[in-house]
Amino acid sequence: MKLLFICNQNKNRSKTAEMLFKNKYETKSAGLYNEKPLNKRQLSWADLVVVMDDSQRNEISKRFPELYLKKRIISLNINDIYKYNQKELIDELKTKFNELV
């Protein structure tokens, strides 16, 4: 399964998730508000899109309305309070991802 993890800047939450699950799935990550924001090609690639909060899901629906309706998108509801690879972030990612998938 191809998983695309998305957060605002693609620095902490989505990058950590990409690394955390790469041994079990094909993973990539992207940001919505960084220098190279999420593009149509990345979104098309994914079987499952995992956003860190619902505002990101809403932003994807605005930017890519046609693709949005065709994609399975889940939200982990993880606040932007963690650093890359922080233990608490890893624990929360594992718990919430396993509950939803």
PDB file of N, CA and C in Angstrom:
ATOM      1  N   MET A   1       0.855  -1.182   0.000  1.00  0.00           N
ATOM      2  CA  MET A   1       0.000   0.000   0.000  1.00  0.00           C
ATOM      3  C   MET A   1       0.895   1.237   0.000  1.00  0.00           C
ATOM      4  N   LYS A   2       0.497   2.230  -0.779  1.00  0.00           N
ATOM      5  CA  LYS A   2       1.235   3.487  -0.878  1.00  0.00           C
ATOM      6  C   LYS A   2       0.583   4.532   0.027  1.00  0.00           C
ATOM      7  N   LEU A   3       1.344   4.984   1.029  1.00  0.00           N
ATOM      8  CA  LEU A   3       0.844   5.958   1.996  1.00  0.00           C
ATOM      9  C   LEU A   3       1.508   7.308   1.785  1.00  0.00           C
ATOM     10  N   LEU A   4       0.688   8.348   1.745  1.00  0.00           N
ATOM     11  CA  LEU A   4       1.191   9.714   1.656  1.00  0.00           C
ATOM     12  C   LEU A   4       0.789  10.442   2.925  1.00  0.00           C
ATOM     13  N   PHE A   5       1.785  10.869   3.697  1.00  0.00           N
ATOM     14  CA  PHE A   5       1.557  11.604   4.934  1.00  0.00           C
ATOM     15  C   PHE A   5       1.699  13.097   4.660  1.00  0.00           C
ATOM     16  N   ILE A   6       0.734  13.871   5.152  1.00  0.00           N
ATOM     17  CA  ILE A   6       0.710  15.304   4.872  1.00  0.00           C
ATOM     18  C   ILE A   6       0.559  16.099   6.163  1.00  0.00           C
ATOM     19  N   CYS A   7       1.371  17.148   6.276  1.00  0.00           N
ATOM     20  CA  CYS A   7       1.201  18.128   7.346  1.00  0.00           C
ATOM     21  C   CYS A   7       1.446  19.517   6.737  1.00  0.00           C
ATOM     22  N   ASN A   8       1.613  20.505   7.558  1.00  0.00           N
ATOM     23  CA  ASN A   8       1.739  21.869   7.042  1.00  0.00           C
ATOM     24  C   ASN A   8       3.057  22.121   6.325  1.00  0.00           C
ATOM     25  N   GLN A   9       4.177  21.834   6.979  1.00  0.00           N
ATOM     26  CA  GLN A   9       5.491  22.161   6.435  1.00  0.00           C
ATOM     27  C   GLN A   9       6.309  20.959   5.968  1.00  0.00           C
ATOM     28  N   ASN A  10       5.862  19.766   6.289  1.00  0.00           N
ATOM     29  CA  ASN A  10       6.605  18.541   5.978  1.00  0.00           C
ATOM     30  C   ASN A  10       7.982  18.540   6.647  1.00  0.00           C
ATOM     31  N   LYS A  11       7.991  18.964   7.899  1.00  0.00           N
ATOM     32  CA  LYS A  11       9.253  18.977   8.654  1.00  0.00           C
ATOM     33  C   LYS A  11       9.232  18.017   9.831  1.00  0.00           C
ATOM     34  N   ASN A  12       8.127  17.931  10.520  1.00  0.00           N
ATOM     35  CA  ASN A  12       8.093  17.152  11.756  1.00  0.00           C
ATOM     36  C   ASN A  12       7.129  15.974  11.697  1.00  0.00           C
ATOM     37  N   ARG A  13       5.840  16.254  11.691  1.00  0.00           N
ATOM     38  CA  ARG A  13       4.854  15.176  11.786  1.00  0.00           C
ATOM     39  C   ARG A  13       4.869  14.242  10.577  1.00  0.00           C
ATOM     40  N   SER A  14       4.705  14.776   9.381  1.00  0.00           N
ATOM     41  CA  SER A  14       4.625  13.904   8.200  1.00  0.00           C
ATOM     42  C   SER A  14       5.970  13.249   7.887  1.00  0.00           C
ATOM     43  N   LYS A  15       7.059  13.952   8.113  1.00  0.00           N
ATOM     44  CA  LYS A  15       8.389  13.360   7.894  1.00  0.00           C
ATOM     45  C   LYS A  15       8.635  12.205   8.854  1.00  0.00           C
ATOM     46  N   THR A  16       8.255  12.392  10.100  1.00  0.00           N
ATOM     47  CA  THR A  16       8.409  11.324  11.088  1.00  0.00           C
ATOM     48  C   THR A  16       7.558  10.119  10.698  1.00  0.00           C
ATOM     49  N   ALA A  17       6.327  10.364  10.288  1.00  0.00           N
ATOM     50  CA  ALA A  17       5.434   9.274   9.880  1.00  0.00           C
ATOM     51  C   ALA A  17       5.993   8.526   8.668  1.00  0.00           C
ATOM     52  N   GLU A  18       6.510   9.267   7.706  1.00  0.00           N
ATOM     53  CA  GLU A  18       7.094   8.640   6.514  1.00  0.00           C
ATOM     54  C   GLU A  18       8.205   7.664   6.918  1.00  0.00           C
ATOM     55  N   MET A  19       9.097   8.095   7.786  1.00  0.00           N
ATOM     56  CA  MET A  19      10.201   7.242   8.222  1.00  0.00           C
ATOM     57  C   MET A  19       9.713   6.081   9.099  1.00  0.00           C
ATOM     58  N   LEU A  20       8.744   6.354   9.953  1.00  0.00           N
ATOM     59  CA  LEU A  20       8.252   5.362  10.903  1.00  0.00           C
ATOM     60  C   LEU A  20       7.616   4.149  10.218  1.00  0.00           C
ATOM     61  N   PHE A  21       6.879   4.387   9.141  1.00  0.00           N
ATOM     62  CA  PHE A  21       6.126   3.309   8.502  1.00  0.00           C
ATOM     63  C   PHE A  21       6.748   2.799   7.198  1.00  0.00           C
ATOM     64  N   LYS A  22       7.939   3.263   6.863  1.00  0.00           N
ATOM     65  CA  LYS A  22       8.535   2.910   5.560  1.00  0.00           C
ATOM     66  C   LYS A  22       8.918   1.439   5.423  1.00  0.00           C
ATOM     67  N   ASN A  23       9.103   0.751   6.537  1.00  0.00           N
ATOM     68  CA  ASN A  23       9.462  -0.670   6.447  1.00  0.00           C
ATOM     69  C   ASN A  23       8.266  -1.570   6.207  1.00  0.00           C
ATOM     70  N   LYS A  24       7.067  -1.049   6.448  1.00  0.00           N
ATOM     71  CA  LYS A  24       5.858  -1.839   6.276  1.00  0.00           C
ATOM     72  C   LYS A  24       5.071  -1.447   5.016  1.00  0.00           C
ATOM     73  N   TYR A  25       5.210  -0.184   4.587  1.00  0.00           N
ATOM     74  CA  TYR A  25       4.463   0.350   3.437  1.00  0.00           C
ATOM     75  C   TYR A  25       5.405   1.152   2.545  1.00  0.00           C
ATOM     76  N   GLU A  26       4.929   1.451   1.349  1.00  0.00           N
ATOM     77  CA  GLU A  26       5.604   2.452   0.518  1.00  0.00           C
ATOM     78  C   GLU A  26       5.147   3.804   1.037  1.00  0.00           C
ATOM     79  N   THR A  27       6.070   4.653   1.448  1.00  0.00           N
ATOM     80  CA  THR A  27       5.672   5.913   2.069  1.00  0.00           C
ATOM     81  C   THR A  27       6.337   7.111   1.418  1.00  0.00           C
ATOM     82  N   LYS A  28       5.599   8.200   1.435  1.00  0.00           N
ATOM     83  CA  LYS A  28       6.109   9.514   1.037  1.00  0.00           C
ATOM     84  C   LYS A  28       5.447  10.532   1.951  1.00  0.00           C
ATOM     85  N   SER A  29       5.998  11.734   1.964  1.00  0.00           N
ATOM     86  CA  SER A  29       5.385  12.792   2.757  1.00  0.00           C
ATOM     87  C   SER A  29       5.424  14.099   1.973  1.00  0.00           C
ATOM     88  N   ALA A  30       4.539  15.007   2.363  1.00  0.00           N
ATOM     89  CA  ALA A  30       4.453  16.302   1.693  1.00  0.00           C
ATOM     90  C   ALA A  30       3.893  17.331   2.663  1.00  0.00           C
ATOM     91  N   GLY A  31       4.147  18.580   2.330  1.00  0.00           N
ATOM     92  CA  GLY A  31       3.593  19.683   3.104  1.00  0.00           C
ATOM     93  C   GLY A  31       2.639  20.492   2.237  1.00  0.00           C
ATOM     94  N   LEU A  32       1.799  21.257   2.885  1.00  0.00           N
ATOM     95  CA  LEU A  32       0.858  22.102   2.143  1.00  0.00           C
ATOM     96  C   LEU A  32       1.340  23.539   2.010  1.00  0.00           C
ATOM     97  N   TYR A  33       2.181  23.986   2.919  1.00  0.00           N
ATOM     98  CA  TYR A  33       2.556  25.399   2.963  1.00  0.00           C
ATOM     99  C   TYR A  33       4.063  25.598   2.970  1.00  0.00           C
ATOM    100  N   ASN A  34       4.798  24.740   2.279  1.00  0.00           N
ATOM    101  CA  ASN A  34       6.249  24.862   2.229  1.00  0.00           C
ATOM    102  C   ASN A  34       6.698  25.282   0.834  1.00  0.00           C
ATOM    103  N   GLU A  35       7.999  25.247   0.593  1.00  0.00           N
ATOM    104  CA  GLU A  35       8.543  25.680  -0.698  1.00  0.00           C
ATOM    105  C   GLU A  35       8.082  24.817  -1.866  1.00  0.00           C
ATOM    106  N   LYS A  36       7.897  23.532  -1.612  1.00  0.00           N
ATOM    107  CA  LYS A  36       7.416  22.601  -2.647  1.00  0.00           C
ATOM    108  C   LYS A  36       6.145  21.942  -2.131  1.00  0.00           C
ATOM    109  N   PRO A  37       5.017  22.638  -2.227  1.00  0.00           N
ATOM    110  CA  PRO A  37       3.773  22.093  -1.661  1.00  0.00           C
ATOM    111  C   PRO A  37       3.261  20.863  -2.429  1.00  0.00           C
ATOM    112  N   LEU A  38       2.401  20.136  -1.751  1.00  0.00           N
ATOM    113  CA  LEU A  38       1.747  18.967  -2.323  1.00  0.00           C
ATOM    114  C   LEU A  38       1.278  19.254  -3.744  1.00  0.00           C
ATOM    115  N   ASN A  39       1.553  18.297  -4.639  1.00  0.00           N
ATOM    116  CA  ASN A  39       1.106  18.475  -6.025  1.00  0.00           C
ATOM    117  C   ASN A  39       0.215  17.301  -6.449  1.00  0.00           C
ATOM    118  N   LYS A  40      -0.373  17.460  -7.597  1.00  0.00           N
ATOM    119  CA  LYS A  40      -1.324  16.474  -8.116  1.00  0.00           C
ATOM    120  C   LYS A  40      -0.685  15.098  -8.309  1.00  0.00           C
ATOM    121  N   ARG A  41       0.549  15.086  -8.773  1.00  0.00           N
ATOM    122  CA  ARG A  41       1.258  13.826  -9.007  1.00  0.00           C
ATOM    123  C   ARG A  41       1.428  13.043  -7.706  1.00  0.00           C
ATOM    124  N   GLN A  42       1.816  13.734  -6.640  1.00  0.00           N
ATOM    125  CA  GLN A  42       1.991  13.072  -5.345  1.00  0.00           C
ATOM    126  C   GLN A  42       0.661  12.508  -4.837  1.00  0.00           C
ATOM    127  N   LEU A  43      -0.364  13.309  -4.945  1.00  0.00           N
ATOM    128  CA  LEU A  43      -1.680  12.882  -4.471  1.00  0.00           C
ATOM    129  C   LEU A  43      -2.194  11.702  -5.288  1.00  0.00           C
ATOM    130  N   SER A  44      -1.969  11.714  -6.579  1.00  0.00           N
ATOM    131  CA  SER A  44      -2.403  10.617  -7.451  1.00  0.00           C
ATOM    132  C   SER A  44      -1.690   9.311  -7.103  1.00  0.00           C
ATOM    133  N   TRP A  45      -0.449   9.404  -6.700  1.00  0.00           N
ATOM    134  CA  TRP A  45       0.377   8.234  -6.383  1.00  0.00           C
ATOM    135  C   TRP A  45      -0.197   7.427  -5.215  1.00  0.00           C
ATOM    136  N   ALA A  46      -0.771   8.088  -4.245  1.00  0.00           N
ATOM    137  CA  ALA A  46      -1.130   7.451  -2.975  1.00  0.00           C
ATOM    138  C   ALA A  46      -2.399   6.601  -3.041  1.00  0.00           C
ATOM    139  N   ASP A  47      -2.351   5.462  -2.342  1.00  0.00           N
ATOM    140  CA  ASP A  47      -3.547   4.655  -2.111  1.00  0.00           C
ATOM    141  C   ASP A  47      -4.316   5.191  -0.915  1.00  0.00           C
ATOM    142  N   LEU A  48      -3.582   5.687   0.068  1.00  0.00           N
ATOM    143  CA  LEU A  48      -4.171   6.238   1.278  1.00  0.00           C
ATOM    144  C   LEU A  48      -3.432   7.529   1.627  1.00  0.00           C
ATOM    145  N   VAL A  49      -4.191   8.576   1.872  1.00  0.00           N
ATOM    146  CA  VAL A  49      -3.626   9.864   2.264  1.00  0.00           C
ATOM    147  C   VAL A  49      -3.902  10.046   3.753  1.00  0.00           C
ATOM    148  N   VAL A  50      -2.844  10.355   4.501  1.00  0.00           N
ATOM    149  CA  VAL A  50      -2.964  10.519   5.945  1.00  0.00           C
ATOM    150  C   VAL A  50      -2.575  11.956   6.300  1.00  0.00           C
ATOM    151  N   VAL A  51      -3.571  12.724   6.733  1.00  0.00           N
ATOM    152  CA  VAL A  51      -3.302  14.100   7.156  1.00  0.00           C
ATOM    153  C   VAL A  51      -3.190  14.127   8.681  1.00  0.00           C
ATOM    154  N   MET A  52      -2.513  15.158   9.165  1.00  0.00           N
ATOM    155  CA  MET A  52      -2.311  15.256  10.609  1.00  0.00           C
ATOM    156  C   MET A  52      -3.459  15.966  11.304  1.00  0.00           C
ATOM    157  N   ASP A  53      -4.226  16.785  10.571  1.00  0.00           N
ATOM    158  CA  ASP A  53      -5.428  17.397  11.157  1.00  0.00           C
ATOM    159  C   ASP A  53      -6.445  17.703  10.066  1.00  0.00           C
ATOM    160  N   ASP A  54      -7.680  17.937  10.470  1.00  0.00           N
ATOM    161  CA  ASP A  54      -8.779  18.104   9.513  1.00  0.00           C
ATOM    162  C   ASP A  54      -8.632  19.330   8.623  1.00  0.00           C
ATOM    163  N   SER A  55      -7.941  20.356   9.084  1.00  0.00           N
ATOM    164  CA  SER A  55      -7.755  21.547   8.240  1.00  0.00           C
ATOM    165  C   SER A  55      -6.962  21.196   6.987  1.00  0.00           C
ATOM    166  N   GLN A  56      -6.064  20.237   7.086  1.00  0.00           N
ATOM    167  CA  GLN A  56      -5.292  19.803   5.916  1.00  0.00           C
ATOM    168  C   GLN A  56      -6.180  19.049   4.930  1.00  0.00           C
ATOM    169  N   ARG A  57      -7.092  18.265   5.436  1.00  0.00           N
ATOM    170  CA  ARG A  57      -8.058  17.579   4.560  1.00  0.00           C
ATOM    171  C   ARG A  57      -8.876  18.617   3.790  1.00  0.00           C
ATOM    172  N   ASN A  58      -9.323  19.650   4.483  1.00  0.00           N
ATOM    173  CA  ASN A  58     -10.101  20.711   3.839  1.00  0.00           C
ATOM    174  C   ASN A  58      -9.290  21.434   2.764  1.00  0.00           C
ATOM    175  N   GLU A  59      -8.028  21.674   3.046  1.00  0.00           N
ATOM    176  CA  GLU A  59      -7.164  22.352   2.073  1.00  0.00           C
ATOM    177  C   GLU A  59      -6.969  21.488   0.824  1.00  0.00           C
ATOM    178  N   ILE A  60      -6.809  20.204   1.002  1.00  0.00           N
ATOM    179  CA  ILE A  60      -6.676  19.292  -0.146  1.00  0.00           C
ATOM    180  C   ILE A  60      -7.947  19.321  -0.985  1.00  0.00           C
ATOM    181  N   SER A  61      -9.102  19.361  -0.340  1.00  0.00           N
ATOM    182  CA  SER A  61     -10.366  19.400  -1.094  1.00  0.00           C
ATOM    183  C   SER A  61     -10.471  20.673  -1.925  1.00  0.00           C
ATOM    184  N   LYS A  62      -9.932  21.770  -1.455  1.00  0.00           N
ATOM    185  CA  LYS A  62      -9.962  23.033  -2.205  1.00  0.00           C
ATOM    186  C   LYS A  62      -8.972  23.030  -3.364  1.00  0.00           C
ATOM    187  N   ARG A  63      -7.785  22.498  -3.125  1.00  0.00           N
ATOM    188  CA  ARG A  63      -6.734  22.515  -4.155  1.00  0.00           C
ATOM    189  C   ARG A  63      -6.936  21.457  -5.233  1.00  0.00           C
ATOM    190  N   PHE A  64      -7.464  20.316  -4.843  1.00  0.00           N
ATOM    191  CA  PHE A  64      -7.591  19.179  -5.776  1.00  0.00           C
ATOM    192  C   PHE A  64      -8.980  18.556  -5.664  1.00  0.00           C
ATOM    193  N   PRO A  65     -10.039  19.292  -6.015  1.00  0.00           N
ATOM    194  CA  PRO A  65     -11.398  18.782  -5.796  1.00  0.00           C
ATOM    195  C   PRO A  65     -11.703  17.462  -6.508  1.00  0.00           C
ATOM    196  N   GLU A  66     -11.196  17.277  -7.716  1.00  0.00           N
ATOM    197  CA  GLU A  66     -11.492  16.047  -8.460  1.00  0.00           C
ATOM    198  C   GLU A  66     -10.819  14.842  -7.809  1.00  0.00           C
ATOM    199  N   LEU A  67      -9.552  15.004  -7.453  1.00  0.00           N
ATOM    200  CA  LEU A  67      -8.814  13.909  -6.831  1.00  0.00           C
ATOM    201  C   LEU A  67      -9.297  13.632  -5.410  1.00  0.00           C
ATOM    202  N   TYR A  68      -9.661  14.679  -4.720  1.00  0.00           N
ATOM    203  CA  TYR A  68     -10.108  14.555  -3.330  1.00  0.00           C
ATOM    204  C   TYR A  68     -11.258  13.550  -3.205  1.00  0.00           C
ATOM    205  N   LEU A  69     -12.177  13.601  -4.137  1.00  0.00           N
ATOM    206  CA  LEU A  69     -13.346  12.710  -4.091  1.00  0.00           C
ATOM    207  C   LEU A  69     -12.988  11.257  -4.382  1.00  0.00           C
ATOM    208  N   LYS A  70     -11.845  11.026  -5.003  1.00  0.00           N
ATOM    209  CA  LYS A  70     -11.433   9.675  -5.379  1.00  0.00           C
ATOM    210  C   LYS A  70     -10.479   9.038  -4.370  1.00  0.00           C
ATOM    211  N   LYS A  71     -10.031   9.809  -3.395  1.00  0.00           N
ATOM    212  CA  LYS A  71      -9.017   9.331  -2.467  1.00  0.00           C
ATOM    213  C   LYS A  71      -9.593   8.998  -1.095  1.00  0.00           C
ATOM    214  N   ARG A  72      -9.010   7.994  -0.480  1.00  0.00           N
ATOM    215  CA  ARG A  72      -9.318   7.715   0.927  1.00  0.00           C
ATOM    216  C   ARG A  72      -8.360   8.575   1.741  1.00  0.00           C
ATOM    217  N   ILE A  73      -8.922   9.458   2.537  1.00  0.00           N
ATOM    218  CA  ILE A  73      -8.126  10.387   3.340  1.00  0.00           C
ATOM    219  C   ILE A  73      -8.548  10.231   4.793  1.00  0.00           C
ATOM    220  N   ILE A  74      -7.561   9.953   5.650  1.00  0.00           N
ATOM    221  CA  ILE A  74      -7.845   9.855   7.074  1.00  0.00           C
ATOM    222  C   ILE A  74      -7.055  10.932   7.821  1.00  0.00           C
ATOM    223  N   SER A  75      -7.620  11.376   8.924  1.00  0.00           N
ATOM    224  CA  SER A  75      -6.964  12.376   9.756  1.00  0.00           C
ATOM    225  C   SER A  75      -6.573  11.752  11.093  1.00  0.00           C
ATOM    226  N   LEU A  76      -5.321  11.969  11.484  1.00  0.00           N
ATOM    227  CA  LEU A  76      -4.845  11.439  12.759  1.00  0.00           C
ATOM    228  C   LEU A  76      -5.082  12.409  13.916  1.00  0.00           C
ATOM    229  N   ASN A  77      -5.438  13.643  13.608  1.00  0.00           N
ATOM    230  CA  ASN A  77      -5.676  14.661  14.644  1.00  0.00           C
ATOM    231  C   ASN A  77      -4.507  14.773  15.620  1.00  0.00           C
ATOM    232  N   ILE A  78      -3.345  15.031  15.057  1.00  0.00           N
ATOM    233  CA  ILE A  78      -2.134  15.220  15.853  1.00  0.00           C
ATOM    234  C   ILE A  78      -1.725  16.681  15.765  1.00  0.00           C
ATOM    235  N   ASN A  79      -1.669  17.331  16.908  1.00  0.00           N
ATOM    236  CA  ASN A  79      -1.322  18.755  16.954  1.00  0.00           C
ATOM    237  C   ASN A  79       0.118  19.011  16.523  1.00  0.00           C
ATOM    238  N   ASP A  80       0.353  20.204  16.037  1.00  0.00           N
ATOM    239  CA  ASP A  80       1.673  20.607  15.563  1.00  0.00           C
ATOM    240  C   ASP A  80       2.513  21.127  16.733  1.00  0.00           C
ATOM    241  N   ILE A  81       2.847  20.223  17.645  1.00  0.00           N
ATOM    242  CA  ILE A  81       3.595  20.614  18.843  1.00  0.00           C
ATOM    243  C   ILE A  81       4.877  19.799  19.009  1.00  0.00           C
ATOM    244  N   TYR A  82       5.177  18.933  18.055  1.00  0.00           N
ATOM    245  CA  TYR A  82       6.293  18.017  18.194  1.00  0.00           C
ATOM    246  C   TYR A  82       7.442  18.374  17.255  1.00  0.00           C
ATOM    247  N   LYS A  83       8.600  17.866  17.594  1.00  0.00           N
ATOM    248  CA  LYS A  83       9.793  17.962  16.748  1.00  0.00           C
ATOM    249  C   LYS A  83       9.932  16.662  15.964  1.00  0.00           C
ATOM    250  N   TYR A  84      10.743  16.704  14.920  1.00  0.00           N
ATOM    251  CA  TYR A  84      10.998  15.523  14.100  1.00  0.00           C
ATOM    252  C   TYR A  84      11.528  14.379  14.964  1.00  0.00           C
ATOM    253  N   ASN A  85      10.929  13.212  14.811  1.00  0.00           N
ATOM    254  CA  ASN A  85      11.336  11.981  15.490  1.00  0.00           C
ATOM    255  C   ASN A  85      11.232  12.035  17.014  1.00  0.00           C
ATOM    256  N   GLN A  86      10.476  12.962  17.543  1.00  0.00           N
ATOM    257  CA  GLN A  86      10.281  13.042  18.992  1.00  0.00           C
ATOM    258  C   GLN A  86       9.539  11.802  19.466  1.00  0.00           C
ATOM    259  N   LYS A  87       9.975  11.234  20.575  1.00  0.00           N
ATOM    260  CA  LYS A  87       9.400   9.988  21.076  1.00  0.00           C
ATOM    261  C   LYS A  87       7.884  10.079  21.244  1.00  0.00           C
ATOM    262  N   GLU A  88       7.393  11.177  21.804  1.00  0.00           N
ATOM    263  CA  GLU A  88       5.950  11.336  22.017  1.00  0.00           C
ATOM    264  C   GLU A  88       5.192  11.364  20.693  1.00  0.00           C
ATOM    265  N   LEU A  89       5.782  11.965  19.675  1.00  0.00           N
ATOM    266  CA  LEU A  89       5.171  11.989  18.346  1.00  0.00           C
ATOM    267  C   LEU A  89       5.116  10.581  17.767  1.00  0.00           C
ATOM    268  N   ILE A  90       6.194   9.845  17.879  1.00  0.00           N
ATOM    269  CA  ILE A  90       6.239   8.474  17.375  1.00  0.00           C
ATOM    270  C   ILE A  90       5.166   7.625  18.060  1.00  0.00           C
ATOM    271  N   ASP A  91       5.061   7.749  19.373  1.00  0.00           N
ATOM    272  CA  ASP A  91       4.049   6.990  20.120  1.00  0.00           C
ATOM    273  C   ASP A  91       2.636   7.342  19.651  1.00  0.00           C
ATOM    274  N   GLU A  92       2.375   8.639  19.477  1.00  0.00           N
ATOM    275  CA  GLU A  92       1.040   9.068  19.049  1.00  0.00           C
ATOM    276  C   GLU A  92       0.745   8.615  17.625  1.00  0.00           C
ATOM    277  N   LEU A  93       1.720   8.701  16.736  1.00  0.00           N
ATOM    278  CA  LEU A  93       1.539   8.235  15.354  1.00  0.00           C
ATOM    279  C   LEU A  93       1.199   6.749  15.322  1.00  0.00           C
ATOM    280  N   LYS A  94       1.946   5.948  16.050  1.00  0.00           N
ATOM    281  CA  LYS A  94       1.699   4.505  16.070  1.00  0.00           C
ATOM    282  C   LYS A  94       0.298   4.190  16.585  1.00  0.00           C
ATOM    283  N   THR A  95      -0.062   4.793  17.695  1.00  0.00           N
ATOM    284  CA  THR A  95      -1.356   4.521  18.311  1.00  0.00           C
ATOM    285  C   THR A  95      -2.507   4.918  17.394  1.00  0.00           C
ATOM    286  N   LYS A  96      -2.476   6.145  16.908  1.00  0.00           N
ATOM    287  CA  LYS A  96      -3.603   6.637  16.106  1.00  0.00           C
ATOM    288  C   LYS A  96      -3.665   5.971  14.740  1.00  0.00           C
ATOM    289  N   PHE A  97      -2.527   5.714  14.126  1.00  0.00           N
ATOM    290  CA  PHE A  97      -2.532   5.054  12.825  1.00  0.00           C
ATOM    291  C   PHE A  97      -3.091   3.642  12.956  1.00  0.00           C
ATOM    292  N   ASN A  98      -2.663   2.902  13.957  1.00  0.00           N
ATOM    293  CA  ASN A  98      -3.136   1.530  14.139  1.00  0.00           C
ATOM    294  C   ASN A  98      -4.622   1.475  14.471  1.00  0.00           C
ATOM    295  N   GLU A  99      -5.145   2.500  15.123  1.00  0.00           N
ATOM    296  CA  GLU A  99      -6.595   2.550  15.420  1.00  0.00           C
ATOM    297  C   GLU A  99      -7.410   2.745  14.146  1.00  0.00           C
ATOM    298  N   LEU A 100      -6.878   3.495  13.191  1.00  0.00           N
ATOM    299  CA  LEU A 100      -7.640   3.853  11.988  1.00  0.00           C
ATOM    300  C   LEU A 100      -7.438   2.932  10.810  1.00  0.00           C
ATOM    301  N   VAL A 101      -6.314   2.242  10.768  1.00  0.00           N
ATOM    302  CA  VAL A 101      -6.024   1.419   9.578  1.00  0.00           C
ATOM    303  C   VAL A 101      -6.171  -0.052   9.885  1.00  0.00           C
TER     304      VAL A 101
END
